[in-house]
Amino acid sequence: MPVMDGVEATRCIRAGRAGDPSIPIVALTAYVLKGDRDRFLEAGMDDYLSKPISLEELDKVLRRMHDRSRDN
């Protein structure tokens, strides 16, 4: 993204400085090294998908997000 990366955007959203702090955020990234997933989750993202994505993995993440929204 030209102005800020996804981690910074997520932190702004979660802090209430941009958008709805409770909106689900899923990382879609080419970062796949050990620790990358944890870094995104620690930044406040709800889930993580690495590129290239499979439709099966996308479906799993969307179902988890849907289930979480119903639980809240």
N, C-alpha and C. Protein backbone atom coordinates (compact mmCIF):
# COMPACT_ATOMS: atom_id res chain seq x y z
N MET A 1 0.85 -1.17 0.00
CA MET A 1 0.00 0.00 0.00
C MET A 1 0.90 1.24 0.00
N PRO A 2 0.48 2.26 -0.67
CA PRO A 2 1.38 3.41 -0.84
C PRO A 2 1.64 4.24 0.42
N VAL A 3 0.68 4.35 1.32
CA VAL A 3 0.84 5.23 2.48
C VAL A 3 1.33 4.48 3.70
N MET A 4 0.80 3.29 3.94
CA MET A 4 1.21 2.50 5.10
C MET A 4 1.02 1.02 4.77
N ASP A 5 1.71 0.17 5.52
CA ASP A 5 1.55 -1.26 5.26
C ASP A 5 0.37 -1.81 6.07
N GLY A 6 0.07 -3.06 5.87
CA GLY A 6 -1.08 -3.67 6.52
C GLY A 6 -0.97 -3.74 8.02
N VAL A 7 0.24 -3.93 8.53
CA VAL A 7 0.44 -3.97 9.99
C VAL A 7 0.12 -2.61 10.59
N GLU A 8 0.63 -1.56 9.99
CA GLU A 8 0.36 -0.21 10.49
C GLU A 8 -1.13 0.14 10.36
N ALA A 9 -1.73 -0.23 9.24
CA ALA A 9 -3.17 0.02 9.04
C ALA A 9 -3.99 -0.72 10.09
N THR A 10 -3.62 -1.97 10.37
CA THR A 10 -4.34 -2.75 11.38
C THR A 10 -4.22 -2.10 12.74
N ARG A 11 -3.03 -1.65 13.09
CA ARG A 11 -2.85 -1.00 14.40
C ARG A 11 -3.69 0.27 14.51
N CYS A 12 -3.78 1.04 13.42
CA CYS A 12 -4.62 2.25 13.43
C CYS A 12 -6.09 1.89 13.59
N ILE A 13 -6.53 0.86 12.90
CA ILE A 13 -7.93 0.44 13.00
C ILE A 13 -8.23 -0.05 14.41
N ARG A 14 -7.39 -0.92 14.94
CA ARG A 14 -7.62 -1.48 16.28
C ARG A 14 -7.57 -0.41 17.37
N ALA A 15 -6.79 0.64 17.14
CA ALA A 15 -6.69 1.74 18.11
C ALA A 15 -7.85 2.72 18.00
N GLY A 16 -8.72 2.52 17.00
CA GLY A 16 -9.87 3.40 16.82
C GLY A 16 -9.57 4.66 16.05
N ARG A 17 -8.42 4.73 15.40
CA ARG A 17 -8.05 5.91 14.63
C ARG A 17 -8.52 5.83 13.18
N ALA A 18 -9.05 4.69 12.77
CA ALA A 18 -9.53 4.53 11.39
C ALA A 18 -10.52 3.38 11.35
N GLY A 19 -11.72 3.65 10.93
CA GLY A 19 -12.69 2.58 10.75
C GLY A 19 -13.18 1.96 12.05
N ASP A 20 -13.88 0.86 11.90
CA ASP A 20 -14.48 0.12 13.02
C ASP A 20 -13.42 -0.79 13.64
N PRO A 21 -13.05 -0.57 14.90
CA PRO A 21 -12.00 -1.38 15.53
C PRO A 21 -12.31 -2.87 15.61
N SER A 22 -13.59 -3.23 15.50
CA SER A 22 -13.95 -4.64 15.62
C SER A 22 -14.05 -5.37 14.28
N ILE A 23 -13.79 -4.68 13.19
CA ILE A 23 -13.90 -5.30 11.87
C ILE A 23 -12.88 -6.44 11.74
N PRO A 24 -13.27 -7.56 11.15
CA PRO A 24 -12.30 -8.64 10.94
C PRO A 24 -11.23 -8.23 9.94
N ILE A 25 -10.00 -8.56 10.26
CA ILE A 25 -8.88 -8.25 9.37
C ILE A 25 -8.09 -9.53 9.14
N VAL A 26 -7.90 -9.87 7.87
CA VAL A 26 -7.14 -11.06 7.50
C VAL A 26 -5.95 -10.62 6.66
N ALA A 27 -4.76 -11.03 7.08
CA ALA A 27 -3.56 -10.74 6.31
C ALA A 27 -3.56 -11.60 5.05
N LEU A 28 -3.33 -11.00 3.92
CA LEU A 28 -3.14 -11.71 2.66
C LEU A 28 -1.77 -11.26 2.17
N THR A 29 -0.78 -12.12 2.29
CA THR A 29 0.59 -11.68 2.14
C THR A 29 1.49 -12.72 1.51
N ALA A 30 2.58 -12.25 0.97
CA ALA A 30 3.62 -13.14 0.43
C ALA A 30 4.65 -13.47 1.51
N TYR A 31 4.53 -12.84 2.69
CA TYR A 31 5.46 -13.12 3.78
C TYR A 31 5.13 -14.48 4.39
N VAL A 32 6.06 -15.42 4.26
CA VAL A 32 5.79 -16.78 4.73
C VAL A 32 6.93 -17.35 5.58
N LEU A 33 7.82 -16.49 6.02
CA LEU A 33 8.92 -16.96 6.85
C LEU A 33 8.43 -17.27 8.25
N LYS A 34 9.20 -18.07 8.97
CA LYS A 34 8.86 -18.40 10.34
C LYS A 34 8.69 -17.11 11.15
N GLY A 35 7.60 -17.01 11.85
CA GLY A 35 7.34 -15.83 12.66
C GLY A 35 6.47 -14.79 11.99
N ASP A 36 6.33 -14.84 10.67
CA ASP A 36 5.51 -13.83 9.98
C ASP A 36 4.06 -13.89 10.42
N ARG A 37 3.51 -15.10 10.48
CA ARG A 37 2.11 -15.25 10.88
C ARG A 37 1.90 -14.65 12.28
N ASP A 38 2.78 -14.97 13.20
CA ASP A 38 2.66 -14.45 14.56
C ASP A 38 2.75 -12.93 14.59
N ARG A 39 3.62 -12.37 13.77
CA ARG A 39 3.77 -10.91 13.71
C ARG A 39 2.46 -10.24 13.29
N PHE A 40 1.80 -10.82 12.30
CA PHE A 40 0.54 -10.25 11.83
C PHE A 40 -0.57 -10.40 12.87
N LEU A 41 -0.62 -11.54 13.52
CA LEU A 41 -1.64 -11.75 14.55
C LEU A 41 -1.39 -10.85 15.76
N GLU A 42 -0.13 -10.66 16.13
CA GLU A 42 0.21 -9.77 17.24
C GLU A 42 -0.14 -8.32 16.94
N ALA A 43 -0.14 -7.96 15.66
CA ALA A 43 -0.50 -6.60 15.26
C ALA A 43 -2.00 -6.36 15.35
N GLY A 44 -2.77 -7.43 15.56
CA GLY A 44 -4.21 -7.27 15.71
C GLY A 44 -5.04 -7.89 14.60
N MET A 45 -4.38 -8.52 13.64
CA MET A 45 -5.14 -9.19 12.58
C MET A 45 -5.77 -10.45 13.15
N ASP A 46 -6.89 -10.83 12.57
CA ASP A 46 -7.64 -11.98 13.07
C ASP A 46 -7.18 -13.30 12.48
N ASP A 47 -6.63 -13.25 11.29
CA ASP A 47 -6.19 -14.48 10.63
C ASP A 47 -5.16 -14.13 9.57
N TYR A 48 -4.68 -15.14 8.89
CA TYR A 48 -3.54 -14.98 8.00
C TYR A 48 -3.67 -15.96 6.83
N LEU A 49 -3.45 -15.46 5.63
CA LEU A 49 -3.36 -16.30 4.43
C LEU A 49 -2.10 -15.91 3.68
N SER A 50 -1.34 -16.91 3.28
CA SER A 50 -0.13 -16.61 2.50
C SER A 50 -0.40 -16.89 1.03
N LYS A 51 0.24 -16.09 0.18
CA LYS A 51 0.12 -16.26 -1.27
C LYS A 51 1.05 -17.35 -1.73
N PRO A 52 0.72 -18.06 -2.76
CA PRO A 52 -0.58 -18.05 -3.43
C PRO A 52 -1.61 -18.75 -2.57
N ILE A 53 -2.81 -18.21 -2.54
CA ILE A 53 -3.85 -18.79 -1.70
C ILE A 53 -4.57 -19.90 -2.45
N SER A 54 -5.09 -20.83 -1.69
CA SER A 54 -5.94 -21.85 -2.28
C SER A 54 -7.38 -21.51 -1.90
N LEU A 55 -8.31 -21.89 -2.74
CA LEU A 55 -9.71 -21.62 -2.43
C LEU A 55 -10.14 -22.35 -1.16
N GLU A 56 -9.55 -23.50 -0.91
CA GLU A 56 -9.87 -24.25 0.30
C GLU A 56 -9.46 -23.47 1.55
N GLU A 57 -8.25 -22.91 1.54
CA GLU A 57 -7.78 -22.13 2.69
C GLU A 57 -8.59 -20.85 2.85
N LEU A 58 -8.92 -20.19 1.74
CA LEU A 58 -9.75 -18.99 1.79
C LEU A 58 -11.11 -19.31 2.39
N ASP A 59 -11.70 -20.41 1.97
CA ASP A 59 -12.99 -20.83 2.51
C ASP A 59 -12.91 -21.07 4.02
N LYS A 60 -11.83 -21.71 4.48
CA LYS A 60 -11.67 -21.96 5.91
C LYS A 60 -11.60 -20.66 6.71
N VAL A 61 -10.83 -19.71 6.20
CA VAL A 61 -10.69 -18.42 6.89
C VAL A 61 -12.02 -17.68 6.91
N LEU A 62 -12.71 -17.67 5.79
CA LEU A 62 -14.00 -16.97 5.75
C LEU A 62 -15.01 -17.62 6.69
N ARG A 63 -14.99 -18.92 6.78
CA ARG A 63 -15.89 -19.61 7.72
C ARG A 63 -15.54 -19.25 9.17
N ARG A 64 -14.23 -19.19 9.49
CA ARG A 64 -13.83 -18.81 10.85
C ARG A 64 -14.28 -17.38 11.17
N MET A 65 -14.12 -16.47 10.21
CA MET A 65 -14.55 -15.09 10.43
C MET A 65 -16.06 -15.03 10.63
N HIS A 66 -16.78 -15.77 9.83
CA HIS A 66 -18.24 -15.81 9.95
C HIS A 66 -18.65 -16.36 11.31
N ASP A 67 -18.04 -17.45 11.72
CA ASP A 67 -18.37 -18.06 13.01
C ASP A 67 -18.06 -17.11 14.16
N ARG A 68 -16.95 -16.40 14.09
CA ARG A 68 -16.60 -15.44 15.15
C ARG A 68 -17.61 -14.31 15.22
N SER A 69 -18.06 -13.84 14.06
CA SER A 69 -19.03 -12.74 14.05
C SER A 69 -20.36 -13.17 14.65
N ARG A 70 -20.72 -14.43 14.47
CA ARG A 70 -21.96 -14.94 15.05
C ARG A 70 -21.84 -15.13 16.54
N ASP A 71 -20.63 -15.43 17.02
CA ASP A 71 -20.42 -15.63 18.46
C ASP A 71 -20.43 -14.33 19.24
N ASN A 72 -20.18 -13.23 18.56
CA ASN A 72 -20.09 -11.93 19.25
C ASN A 72 -21.39 -11.23 19.22
